């Protein structure tokens, strides 16, 4: 099951990287709130239909028993995806890809200390997590000073992007930890996906109504939005949920560290993004750390 989880996680990272690059491009002309609303409304409706079709009584009983977990999961999604979309608007996609997941292992270890169900992390995981966290700090500082692939943003926009990406990282870790808790309480994948989007949808509806922009889309935006919803959102959220089911939280975070590699390779398809040595260096350091960690794990498991 571990090998399956790793493979599914890598597929998720590839699709998610393509999604990040595409979103970073399309949100320059399309409202971020509209993208969020349509993605999350579509996924909530689809998986709620699955849950009600297969076992409606199970979903109702789980909501009643575990409503606190559902609230936490909704808050995690709000932090994770809300932070991600706004970070992609103002920062280089590779920087967002690195920072949003690279903080994960260290934060996972801290949160896991308060969760008795979490597996005990080995020294190699702790070392990799801390070293990667240091590299993220250096990279974000470079982004703040303008040393990145996107140099057209203002200082205020870069600060907002950095705050957003840190919020995204926190949401990612919270979601991983508490999704694992829901699996331990016998929630199915589609039941979790059915209830996790309520806060995000409500926030988008309120914000869109307050802004007066409306929910309609131009004809030319229907195809891009469909691609975002189906390939960029529905499939990846199922894959990451399956990865969380198969792996421990710390190993989910480590698998997600391959996401920046895919983002770095794909981001140059966007004409706005120029080459940045600092981003390449940060991704290279993370790859080396992951390779060292993998070799250590292989050696430890040998008889």
C-alpha atoms as a PDB file:
ATOM      1  CA  UNK A   1       0.000   0.000   0.000  1.00  0.00           C
ATOM      2  CA  UNK A   2       2.955   2.331   0.644  1.00  0.00           C
ATOM      3  CA  UNK A   3       4.250   1.976  -2.934  1.00  0.00           C
ATOM      4  CA  UNK A   4       0.743   2.633  -4.256  1.00  0.00           C
ATOM      5  CA  UNK A   5       0.473   5.722  -2.074  1.00  0.00           C
ATOM      6  CA  UNK A   6       3.803   7.079  -3.330  1.00  0.00           C
ATOM      7  CA  UNK A   7       2.858   6.547  -6.992  1.00  0.00           C
ATOM      8  CA  UNK A   8      -0.545   8.170  -6.514  1.00  0.00           C
ATOM      9  CA  UNK A   9       1.116  11.030  -4.662  1.00  0.00           C
ATOM     10  CA  UNK A  10       3.577  11.601  -7.510  1.00  0.00           C
ATOM     11  CA  UNK A  11       0.734  11.653 -10.042  1.00  0.00           C
ATOM     12  CA  UNK A  12      -1.045  14.183  -7.848  1.00  0.00           C
ATOM     13  CA  UNK A  13       2.091  16.350  -7.749  1.00  0.00           C
ATOM     14  CA  UNK A  14       2.376  16.320 -11.549  1.00  0.00           C
ATOM     15  CA  UNK A  15      -1.272  17.313 -12.069  1.00  0.00           C
ATOM     16  CA  UNK A  16      -1.130  19.834  -9.251  1.00  0.00           C
ATOM     17  CA  UNK A  17       1.988  21.442 -10.726  1.00  0.00           C
ATOM     18  CA  UNK A  18       0.276  21.859 -14.084  1.00  0.00           C
ATOM     19  CA  UNK A  19      -2.752  23.284 -12.247  1.00  0.00           C
ATOM     20  CA  UNK A  20      -0.595  25.785 -10.318  1.00  0.00           C
ATOM     21  CA  UNK A  21       1.057  27.074 -13.485  1.00  0.00           C
ATOM     22  CA  UNK A  22      -2.256  27.302 -15.336  1.00  0.00           C
ATOM     23  CA  UNK A  23      -3.988  29.047 -12.426  1.00  0.00           C
ATOM     24  CA  UNK A  24      -1.128  31.515 -12.072  1.00  0.00           C
ATOM     25  CA  UNK A  25      -1.696  32.443 -15.721  1.00  0.00           C
ATOM     26  CA  UNK A  26      -5.493  32.428 -15.916  1.00  0.00           C
ATOM     27  CA  UNK A  27      -6.121  34.335 -12.667  1.00  0.00           C
ATOM     28  CA  UNK A  28      -4.405  37.364 -14.153  1.00  0.00           C
ATOM     29  CA  UNK A  29      -7.603  37.914 -16.169  1.00  0.00           C
ATOM     30  CA  UNK A  30     -10.187  35.808 -14.287  1.00  0.00           C
ATOM     31  CA  UNK A  31     -11.504  36.507 -10.786  1.00  0.00           C
ATOM     32  CA  UNK A  32      -9.787  34.318  -8.186  1.00  0.00           C
ATOM     33  CA  UNK A  33     -13.042  34.114  -6.221  1.00  0.00           C
ATOM     34  CA  UNK A  34     -14.913  32.802  -9.263  1.00  0.00           C
ATOM     35  CA  UNK A  35     -12.278  30.121  -9.877  1.00  0.00           C
ATOM     36  CA  UNK A  36     -12.488  29.025  -6.244  1.00  0.00           C
ATOM     37  CA  UNK A  37     -16.279  29.015  -6.244  1.00  0.00           C
ATOM     38  CA  UNK A  38     -16.734  26.902  -9.370  1.00  0.00           C
ATOM     39  CA  UNK A  39     -13.988  24.422  -8.424  1.00  0.00           C
ATOM     40  CA  UNK A  40     -15.305  23.819  -4.930  1.00  0.00           C
ATOM     41  CA  UNK A  41     -19.000  23.917  -5.747  1.00  0.00           C
ATOM     42  CA  UNK A  42     -18.468  21.292  -8.458  1.00  0.00           C
ATOM     43  CA  UNK A  43     -16.445  18.963  -6.223  1.00  0.00           C
ATOM     44  CA  UNK A  44     -18.830  19.334  -3.277  1.00  0.00           C
ATOM     45  CA  UNK A  45     -21.832  18.553  -5.451  1.00  0.00           C
ATOM     46  CA  UNK A  46     -20.203  15.535  -7.099  1.00  0.00           C
ATOM     47  CA  UNK A  47     -18.963  13.835  -3.939  1.00  0.00           C
ATOM     48  CA  UNK A  48     -22.091  14.690  -1.950  1.00  0.00           C
ATOM     49  CA  UNK A  49     -24.104  12.928  -4.652  1.00  0.00           C
ATOM     50  CA  UNK A  50     -21.844   9.874  -4.300  1.00  0.00           C
ATOM     51  CA  UNK A  51     -22.250   9.871  -0.508  1.00  0.00           C
ATOM     52  CA  UNK A  52     -26.021  10.215  -0.606  1.00  0.00           C
ATOM     53  CA  UNK A  53     -26.334   7.530  -3.279  1.00  0.00           C
ATOM     54  CA  UNK A  54     -24.186   4.881  -1.568  1.00  0.00           C
ATOM     55  CA  UNK A  55     -24.982   5.403   2.117  1.00  0.00           C
ATOM     56  CA  UNK A  56     -26.872   8.544   3.215  1.00  0.00           C
ATOM     57  CA  UNK A  57     -27.441   7.213   6.729  1.00  0.00           C
ATOM     58  CA  UNK A  58     -23.675   6.767   7.217  1.00  0.00           C
ATOM     59  CA  UNK A  59     -22.955  10.368   6.218  1.00  0.00           C
ATOM     60  CA  UNK A  60     -25.596  11.750   8.591  1.00  0.00           C
ATOM     61  CA  UNK A  61     -24.339   9.680  11.532  1.00  0.00           C
ATOM     62  CA  UNK A  62     -20.716  10.658  10.916  1.00  0.00           C
ATOM     63  CA  UNK A  63     -21.603  14.336  10.679  1.00  0.00           C
ATOM     64  CA  UNK A  64     -23.396  14.124  13.998  1.00  0.00           C
ATOM     65  CA  UNK A  65     -20.562  12.261  15.736  1.00  0.00           C
ATOM     66  CA  UNK A  66     -17.558  14.081  14.232  1.00  0.00           C
ATOM     67  CA  UNK A  67     -18.814  17.596  13.520  1.00  0.00           C
ATOM     68  CA  UNK A  68     -15.781  19.140  15.236  1.00  0.00           C
ATOM     69  CA  UNK A  69     -13.451  17.347  12.832  1.00  0.00           C
ATOM     70  CA  UNK A  70     -15.577  18.516   9.920  1.00  0.00           C
ATOM     71  CA  UNK A  71     -15.231  22.120  11.108  1.00  0.00           C
ATOM     72  CA  UNK A  72     -11.436  21.755  11.361  1.00  0.00           C
ATOM     73  CA  UNK A  73     -11.218  20.155   7.914  1.00  0.00           C
ATOM     74  CA  UNK A  74     -13.240  23.028   6.437  1.00  0.00           C
ATOM     75  CA  UNK A  75     -10.951  25.572   8.090  1.00  0.00           C
ATOM     76  CA  UNK A  76      -7.933  23.694   6.698  1.00  0.00           C
ATOM     77  CA  UNK A  77      -9.316  23.808   3.159  1.00  0.00           C
ATOM     78  CA  UNK A  78     -10.065  27.515   3.510  1.00  0.00           C
ATOM     79  CA  UNK A  79      -6.479  28.227   4.578  1.00  0.00           C
ATOM     80  CA  UNK A  80      -4.896  25.860   2.069  1.00  0.00           C
ATOM     81  CA  UNK A  81      -6.683  26.746  -1.150  1.00  0.00           C
ATOM     82  CA  UNK A  82      -7.429  30.371  -0.347  1.00  0.00           C
ATOM     83  CA  UNK A  83      -3.756  30.921   0.395  1.00  0.00           C
ATOM     84  CA  UNK A  84      -2.664  29.002  -2.700  1.00  0.00           C
ATOM     85  CA  UNK A  85      -4.736  30.982  -5.199  1.00  0.00           C
ATOM     86  CA  UNK A  86      -3.676  34.373  -3.878  1.00  0.00           C
ATOM     87  CA  UNK A  87      -0.021  33.305  -3.607  1.00  0.00           C
ATOM     88  CA  UNK A  88      -0.072  32.236  -7.274  1.00  0.00           C
ATOM     89  CA  UNK A  89      -1.381  35.657  -8.207  1.00  0.00           C
ATOM     90  CA  UNK A  90       1.660  37.494  -6.848  1.00  0.00           C
ATOM     91  CA  UNK A  91       4.575  35.029  -6.653  1.00  0.00           C
ATOM     92  CA  UNK A  92       6.521  32.851  -9.068  1.00  0.00           C
ATOM     93  CA  UNK A  93       4.756  29.438  -9.361  1.00  0.00           C
ATOM     94  CA  UNK A  94       7.938  27.524  -8.403  1.00  0.00           C
ATOM     95  CA  UNK A  95       8.277  29.623  -5.245  1.00  0.00           C
ATOM     96  CA  UNK A  96       4.666  28.903  -4.328  1.00  0.00           C
ATOM     97  CA  UNK A  97       5.118  25.218  -5.112  1.00  0.00           C
ATOM     98  CA  UNK A  98       8.194  24.976  -2.894  1.00  0.00           C
ATOM     99  CA  UNK A  99       6.942  27.047   0.030  1.00  0.00           C
ATOM    100  CA  UNK A 100       3.413  25.635   0.140  1.00  0.00           C
ATOM    101  CA  UNK A 101       4.601  22.056   0.618  1.00  0.00           C
ATOM    102  CA  UNK A 102       8.176  22.332   1.883  1.00  0.00           C
ATOM    103  CA  UNK A 103       7.016  23.763   5.213  1.00  0.00           C
ATOM    104  CA  UNK A 104       4.826  20.689   5.520  1.00  0.00           C
ATOM    105  CA  UNK A 105       7.246  18.160   7.063  1.00  0.00           C
ATOM    106  CA  UNK A 106       8.396  20.481   9.854  1.00  0.00           C
ATOM    107  CA  UNK A 107       4.878  21.653  10.651  1.00  0.00           C
ATOM    108  CA  UNK A 108       3.623  18.061  10.465  1.00  0.00           C
ATOM    109  CA  UNK A 109       6.160  16.982  13.058  1.00  0.00           C
ATOM    110  CA  UNK A 110       5.107  19.787  15.413  1.00  0.00           C
ATOM    111  CA  UNK A 111       1.374  19.110  15.061  1.00  0.00           C
ATOM    112  CA  UNK A 112       1.941  15.337  15.307  1.00  0.00           C
ATOM    113  CA  UNK A 113       3.392  15.806  18.779  1.00  0.00           C
ATOM    114  CA  UNK A 114      -0.155  16.573  19.948  1.00  0.00           C
ATOM    115  CA  UNK A 115      -1.721  13.655  18.064  1.00  0.00           C
ATOM    116  CA  UNK A 116      -1.290  10.260  19.762  1.00  0.00           C
ATOM    117  CA  UNK A 117      -2.300   8.390  16.599  1.00  0.00           C
ATOM    118  CA  UNK A 118       0.609   9.795  14.575  1.00  0.00           C
ATOM    119  CA  UNK A 119       3.553   7.542  13.797  1.00  0.00           C
ATOM    120  CA  UNK A 120       6.863   8.470  15.414  1.00  0.00           C
ATOM    121  CA  UNK A 121       9.158  10.207  12.924  1.00  0.00           C
ATOM    122  CA  UNK A 122      12.697   8.899  12.404  1.00  0.00           C
ATOM    123  CA  UNK A 123      15.776  11.087  12.611  1.00  0.00           C
ATOM    124  CA  UNK A 124      16.195  11.329   8.813  1.00  0.00           C
ATOM    125  CA  UNK A 125      12.680  12.772   8.443  1.00  0.00           C
ATOM    126  CA  UNK A 126      13.340  15.339  11.161  1.00  0.00           C
ATOM    127  CA  UNK A 127      16.667  16.366   9.607  1.00  0.00           C
ATOM    128  CA  UNK A 128      15.243  16.700   6.078  1.00  0.00           C
ATOM    129  CA  UNK A 129      12.270  18.675   7.381  1.00  0.00           C
ATOM    130  CA  UNK A 130      14.421  21.208   9.227  1.00  0.00           C
ATOM    131  CA  UNK A 131      16.916  21.697   6.394  1.00  0.00           C
ATOM    132  CA  UNK A 132      14.145  22.188   3.865  1.00  0.00           C
ATOM    133  CA  UNK A 133      12.447  24.713   6.151  1.00  0.00           C
ATOM    134  CA  UNK A 134      15.666  26.761   6.247  1.00  0.00           C
ATOM    135  CA  UNK A 135      15.901  26.719   2.451  1.00  0.00           C
ATOM    136  CA  UNK A 136      12.297  27.928   2.205  1.00  0.00           C
ATOM    137  CA  UNK A 137      13.045  30.891   4.455  1.00  0.00           C
ATOM    138  CA  UNK A 138      15.966  31.930   2.246  1.00  0.00           C
ATOM    139  CA  UNK A 139      13.872  31.530  -0.903  1.00  0.00           C
ATOM    140  CA  UNK A 140      10.996  33.640   0.437  1.00  0.00           C
ATOM    141  CA  UNK A 141      13.434  36.367   1.412  1.00  0.00           C
ATOM    142  CA  UNK A 142      14.779  36.362  -2.154  1.00  0.00           C
ATOM    143  CA  UNK A 143      11.209  36.672  -3.450  1.00  0.00           C
ATOM    144  CA  UNK A 144      10.600  39.616  -1.134  1.00  0.00           C
ATOM    145  CA  UNK A 145      13.662  41.419  -2.517  1.00  0.00           C
ATOM    146  CA  UNK A 146      12.501  40.762  -6.091  1.00  0.00           C
ATOM    147  CA  UNK A 147      15.023  38.025  -6.953  1.00  0.00           C
ATOM    148  CA  UNK A 148      12.561  35.649  -8.638  1.00  0.00           C
ATOM    149  CA  UNK A 149      11.075  34.752 -12.017  1.00  0.00           C
ATOM    150  CA  UNK A 150       8.345  37.413 -11.709  1.00  0.00           C
ATOM    151  CA  UNK A 151       9.699  40.893 -11.063  1.00  0.00           C
ATOM    152  CA  UNK A 152       6.665  42.979 -12.081  1.00  0.00           C
ATOM    153  CA  UNK A 153       4.897  42.869  -8.693  1.00  0.00           C
ATOM    154  CA  UNK A 154       5.044  45.573  -6.045  1.00  0.00           C
ATOM    155  CA  UNK A 155       6.536  45.119  -2.576  1.00  0.00           C
ATOM    156  CA  UNK A 156       3.045  45.047  -1.049  1.00  0.00           C
ATOM    157  CA  UNK A 157       1.927  42.351  -3.483  1.00  0.00           C
ATOM    158  CA  UNK A 158       4.999  40.212  -2.718  1.00  0.00           C
ATOM    159  CA  UNK A 159       4.341  40.527   1.030  1.00  0.00           C
ATOM    160  CA  UNK A 160       0.722  39.462   0.477  1.00  0.00           C
ATOM    161  CA  UNK A 161       1.920  36.540  -1.633  1.00  0.00           C
ATOM    162  CA  UNK A 162       4.390  35.395   1.048  1.00  0.00           C
ATOM    163  CA  UNK A 163       1.743  35.594   3.779  1.00  0.00           C
ATOM    164  CA  UNK A 164      -0.676  33.684   1.547  1.00  0.00           C
ATOM    165  CA  UNK A 165       1.800  30.885   0.836  1.00  0.00           C
ATOM    166  CA  UNK A 166       2.582  30.432   4.561  1.00  0.00           C
ATOM    167  CA  UNK A 167      -1.163  30.244   5.266  1.00  0.00           C
ATOM    168  CA  UNK A 168      -1.442  27.681   2.453  1.00  0.00           C
ATOM    169  CA  UNK A 169       1.324  25.544   3.997  1.00  0.00           C
ATOM    170  CA  UNK A 170      -0.390  25.583   7.398  1.00  0.00           C
ATOM    171  CA  UNK A 171      -3.669  24.530   5.801  1.00  0.00           C
ATOM    172  CA  UNK A 172      -1.951  21.679   3.924  1.00  0.00           C
ATOM    173  CA  UNK A 173      -0.522  20.224   7.113  1.00  0.00           C
ATOM    174  CA  UNK A 174      -3.754  20.607   9.085  1.00  0.00           C
ATOM    175  CA  UNK A 175      -5.684  18.898   6.308  1.00  0.00           C
ATOM    176  CA  UNK A 176      -3.248  15.965   6.189  1.00  0.00           C
ATOM    177  CA  UNK A 177      -3.280  15.422   9.950  1.00  0.00           C
ATOM    178  CA  UNK A 178      -7.039  15.644  10.445  1.00  0.00           C
ATOM    179  CA  UNK A 179      -7.938  13.735   7.283  1.00  0.00           C
ATOM    180  CA  UNK A 180      -5.900  10.869   8.721  1.00  0.00           C
ATOM    181  CA  UNK A 181      -7.945  11.185  11.900  1.00  0.00           C
ATOM    182  CA  UNK A 182     -11.174  10.956   9.885  1.00  0.00           C
ATOM    183  CA  UNK A 183      -9.917   7.831   8.109  1.00  0.00           C
ATOM    184  CA  UNK A 184      -9.208   6.340  11.536  1.00  0.00           C
ATOM    185  CA  UNK A 185     -12.882   6.956  12.363  1.00  0.00           C
ATOM    186  CA  UNK A 186     -13.960   5.050   9.230  1.00  0.00           C
ATOM    187  CA  UNK A 187     -14.853   7.986   7.001  1.00  0.00           C
ATOM    188  CA  UNK A 188     -14.666   7.086   3.309  1.00  0.00           C
ATOM    189  CA  UNK A 189     -12.788   9.216   0.762  1.00  0.00           C
ATOM    190  CA  UNK A 190     -15.920  10.491  -0.955  1.00  0.00           C
ATOM    191  CA  UNK A 191     -17.594  11.304   2.404  1.00  0.00           C
ATOM    192  CA  UNK A 192     -14.667  13.520   3.396  1.00  0.00           C
ATOM    193  CA  UNK A 193     -14.651  15.201  -0.008  1.00  0.00           C
ATOM    194  CA  UNK A 194     -18.399  15.783   0.271  1.00  0.00           C
ATOM    195  CA  UNK A 195     -18.210  17.814   3.511  1.00  0.00           C
ATOM    196  CA  UNK A 196     -14.856  19.587   3.340  1.00  0.00           C
ATOM    197  CA  UNK A 197     -15.815  22.491   1.042  1.00  0.00           C
ATOM    198  CA  UNK A 198     -18.699  24.138   2.906  1.00  0.00           C
ATOM    199  CA  UNK A 199     -16.663  26.986   4.431  1.00  0.00           C
ATOM    200  CA  UNK A 200     -14.874  27.736   1.154  1.00  0.00           C
ATOM    201  CA  UNK A 201     -18.113  27.866  -0.866  1.00  0.00           C
ATOM    202  CA  UNK A 202     -19.836  30.076   1.733  1.00  0.00           C
ATOM    203  CA  UNK A 203     -16.867  32.451   1.847  1.00  0.00           C
ATOM    204  CA  UNK A 204     -16.785  32.746  -1.953  1.00  0.00           C
ATOM    205  CA  UNK A 205     -20.536  33.372  -2.191  1.00  0.00           C
ATOM    206  CA  UNK A 206     -20.382  36.143   0.413  1.00  0.00           C
ATOM    207  CA  UNK A 207     -17.270  37.735  -1.120  1.00  0.00           C
ATOM    208  CA  UNK A 208     -18.587  37.612  -4.703  1.00  0.00           C
ATOM    209  CA  UNK A 209     -21.947  39.052  -3.658  1.00  0.00           C
ATOM    210  CA  UNK A 210     -20.225  41.819  -1.693  1.00  0.00           C
ATOM    211  CA  UNK A 211     -17.937  42.692  -4.618  1.00  0.00           C
ATOM    212  CA  UNK A 212     -20.848  42.884  -7.042  1.00  0.00           C
ATOM    213  CA  UNK A 213     -18.982  40.993  -9.785  1.00  0.00           C
ATOM    214  CA  UNK A 214     -21.621  38.270 -10.166  1.00  0.00           C
ATOM    215  CA  UNK A 215     -21.296  34.560 -10.905  1.00  0.00           C
ATOM    216  CA  UNK A 216     -21.623  34.614 -14.701  1.00  0.00           C
ATOM    217  CA  UNK A 217     -18.817  33.638 -17.077  1.00  0.00           C
ATOM    218  CA  UNK A 218     -18.110  34.869 -20.565  1.00  0.00           C
ATOM    219  CA  UNK A 219     -18.342  32.299 -23.350  1.00  0.00           C
ATOM    220  CA  UNK A 220     -14.586  32.424 -23.892  1.00  0.00           C
ATOM    221  CA  UNK A 221     -13.964  31.448 -20.242  1.00  0.00           C
ATOM    222  CA  UNK A 222     -16.174  28.338 -20.142  1.00  0.00           C
ATOM    223  CA  UNK A 223     -13.489  26.002 -21.529  1.00  0.00           C
ATOM    224  CA  UNK A 224     -10.671  27.270 -19.247  1.00  0.00           C
ATOM    225  CA  UNK A 225     -12.967  26.977 -16.239  1.00  0.00           C
ATOM    226  CA  UNK A 226     -13.998  23.431 -17.212  1.00  0.00           C
ATOM    227  CA  UNK A 227     -10.329  22.419 -17.444  1.00  0.00           C
ATOM    228  CA  UNK A 228      -9.652  23.969 -14.039  1.00  0.00           C
ATOM    229  CA  UNK A 229     -12.592  22.212 -12.402  1.00  0.00           C
ATOM    230  CA  UNK A 230     -12.255  18.719 -13.880  1.00  0.00           C
ATOM    231  CA  UNK A 231      -8.541  18.130 -14.515  1.00  0.00           C
ATOM    232  CA  UNK A 232      -7.114  20.720 -12.163  1.00  0.00           C
ATOM    233  CA  UNK A 233      -9.354  20.167  -9.139  1.00  0.00           C
ATOM    234  CA  UNK A 234     -11.630  17.108  -9.086  1.00  0.00           C
ATOM    235  CA  UNK A 235      -8.985  14.562 -10.068  1.00  0.00           C
ATOM    236  CA  UNK A 236      -6.158  15.966  -7.898  1.00  0.00           C
ATOM    237  CA  UNK A 237      -8.253  16.199  -4.708  1.00  0.00           C
ATOM    238  CA  UNK A 238      -9.232  12.551  -5.091  1.00  0.00           C
ATOM    239  CA  UNK A 239      -5.597  11.550  -5.650  1.00  0.00           C
ATOM    240  CA  UNK A 240      -4.308  13.451  -2.612  1.00  0.00           C
ATOM    241  CA  UNK A 241      -7.053  11.994  -0.433  1.00  0.00           C
ATOM    242  CA  UNK A 242      -6.021   8.504  -1.585  1.00  0.00           C
ATOM    243  CA  UNK A 243      -2.371   9.343  -0.861  1.00  0.00           C
ATOM    244  CA  UNK A 244      -3.263  10.455   2.669  1.00  0.00           C
ATOM    245  CA  UNK A 245      -5.128   7.167   3.157  1.00  0.00           C
ATOM    246  CA  UNK A 246      -2.106   5.073   2.103  1.00  0.00           C
ATOM    247  CA  UNK A 247       0.721   6.957   3.841  1.00  0.00           C
ATOM    248  CA  UNK A 248       1.548   8.454   7.232  1.00  0.00           C
ATOM    249  CA  UNK A 249       1.287  12.274   7.519  1.00  0.00           C
ATOM    250  CA  UNK A 250       5.061  12.849   7.545  1.00  0.00           C
ATOM    251  CA  UNK A 251       5.525  10.719   4.427  1.00  0.00           C
ATOM    252  CA  UNK A 252       2.649  12.503   2.673  1.00  0.00           C
ATOM    253  CA  UNK A 253       4.500  15.762   3.313  1.00  0.00           C
ATOM    254  CA  UNK A 254       7.752  14.311   1.984  1.00  0.00           C
ATOM    255  CA  UNK A 255       6.118  12.988  -1.203  1.00  0.00           C
ATOM    256  CA  UNK A 256       4.571  16.427  -1.751  1.00  0.00           C
ATOM    257  CA  UNK A 257       8.061  17.901  -1.797  1.00  0.00           C
ATOM    258  CA  UNK A 258       8.396  16.621  -5.382  1.00  0.00           C
ATOM    259  CA  UNK A 259       5.692  19.103  -6.422  1.00  0.00           C
ATOM    260  CA  UNK A 260       8.136  22.044  -6.791  1.00  0.00           C
ATOM    261  CA  UNK A 261      10.226  20.038  -9.278  1.00  0.00           C
ATOM    262  CA  UNK A 262       7.256  19.616 -11.596  1.00  0.00           C
ATOM    263  CA  UNK A 263       6.216  23.263 -11.125  1.00  0.00           C
ATOM    264  CA  UNK A 264       9.722  24.476 -11.987  1.00  0.00           C
ATOM    265  CA  UNK A 265       9.768  22.423 -15.178  1.00  0.00           C
ATOM    266  CA  UNK A 266       6.313  23.570 -16.287  1.00  0.00           C
ATOM    267  CA  UNK A 267       6.277  27.215 -15.219  1.00  0.00           C
ATOM    268  CA  UNK A 268       8.370  28.426 -18.148  1.00  0.00           C
ATOM    269  CA  UNK A 269       5.403  27.701 -20.414  1.00  0.00           C
ATOM    270  CA  UNK A 270       4.020  30.932 -18.937  1.00  0.00           C
ATOM    271  CA  UNK A 271       5.554  33.896 -20.785  1.00  0.00           C
ATOM    272  CA  UNK A 272       5.382  36.047 -17.631  1.00  0.00           C
ATOM    273  CA  UNK A 273       7.940  33.853 -15.850  1.00  0.00           C
ATOM    274  CA  UNK A 274      11.633  34.413 -16.444  1.00  0.00           C
ATOM    275  CA  UNK A 275      14.561  32.274 -15.356  1.00  0.00           C
ATOM    276  CA  UNK A 276      15.555  32.735 -11.696  1.00  0.00           C
ATOM    277  CA  UNK A 277      18.712  31.109 -10.367  1.00  0.00           C
ATOM    278  CA  UNK A 278      17.470  31.359  -6.764  1.00  0.00           C
ATOM    279  CA  UNK A 279      14.381  29.260  -7.536  1.00  0.00           C
ATOM    280  CA  UNK A 280      16.402  26.634  -9.387  1.00  0.00           C
ATOM    281  CA  UNK A 281      18.871  26.478  -6.477  1.00  0.00           C
ATOM    282  CA  UNK A 282      16.090  26.061  -3.902  1.00  0.00           C
ATOM    283  CA  UNK A 283      14.435  23.234  -5.838  1.00  0.00           C
ATOM    284  CA  UNK A 284      17.822  21.560  -6.397  1.00  0.00           C
ATOM    285  CA  UNK A 285      18.598  21.624  -2.672  1.00  0.00           C
ATOM    286  CA  UNK A 286      15.224  20.034  -1.881  1.00  0.00           C
ATOM    287  CA  UNK A 287      15.749  17.302  -4.495  1.00  0.00           C
ATOM    288  CA  UNK A 288      19.165  16.475  -3.033  1.00  0.00           C
ATOM    289  CA  UNK A 289      17.712  16.310   0.475  1.00  0.00           C
ATOM    290  CA  UNK A 290      14.925  14.007  -0.679  1.00  0.00           C
ATOM    291  CA  UNK A 291      17.389  11.759  -2.513  1.00  0.00           C
ATOM    292  CA  UNK A 292      19.534  11.489   0.609  1.00  0.00           C
ATOM    293  CA  UNK A 293      16.496  10.676   2.707  1.00  0.00           C
ATOM    294  CA  UNK A 294      15.351   7.983   0.230  1.00  0.00           C
ATOM    295  CA  UNK A 295      18.790   6.342   0.135  1.00  0.00           C
ATOM    296  CA  UNK A 296      18.904   6.343   3.938  1.00  0.00           C
ATOM    297  CA  UNK A 297      15.472   4.697   4.131  1.00  0.00           C
ATOM    298  CA  UNK A 298      16.478   2.020   1.595  1.00  0.00           C
ATOM    299  CA  UNK A 299      19.632   1.229   3.536  1.00  0.00           C
ATOM    300  CA  UNK A 300      17.692   1.018   6.823  1.00  0.00           C
ATOM    301  CA  UNK A 301      15.171  -1.421   5.360  1.00  0.00           C
ATOM    302  CA  UNK A 302      17.806  -3.766   3.899  1.00  0.00           C
ATOM    303  CA  UNK A 303      18.214  -7.043   5.888  1.00  0.00           C
END
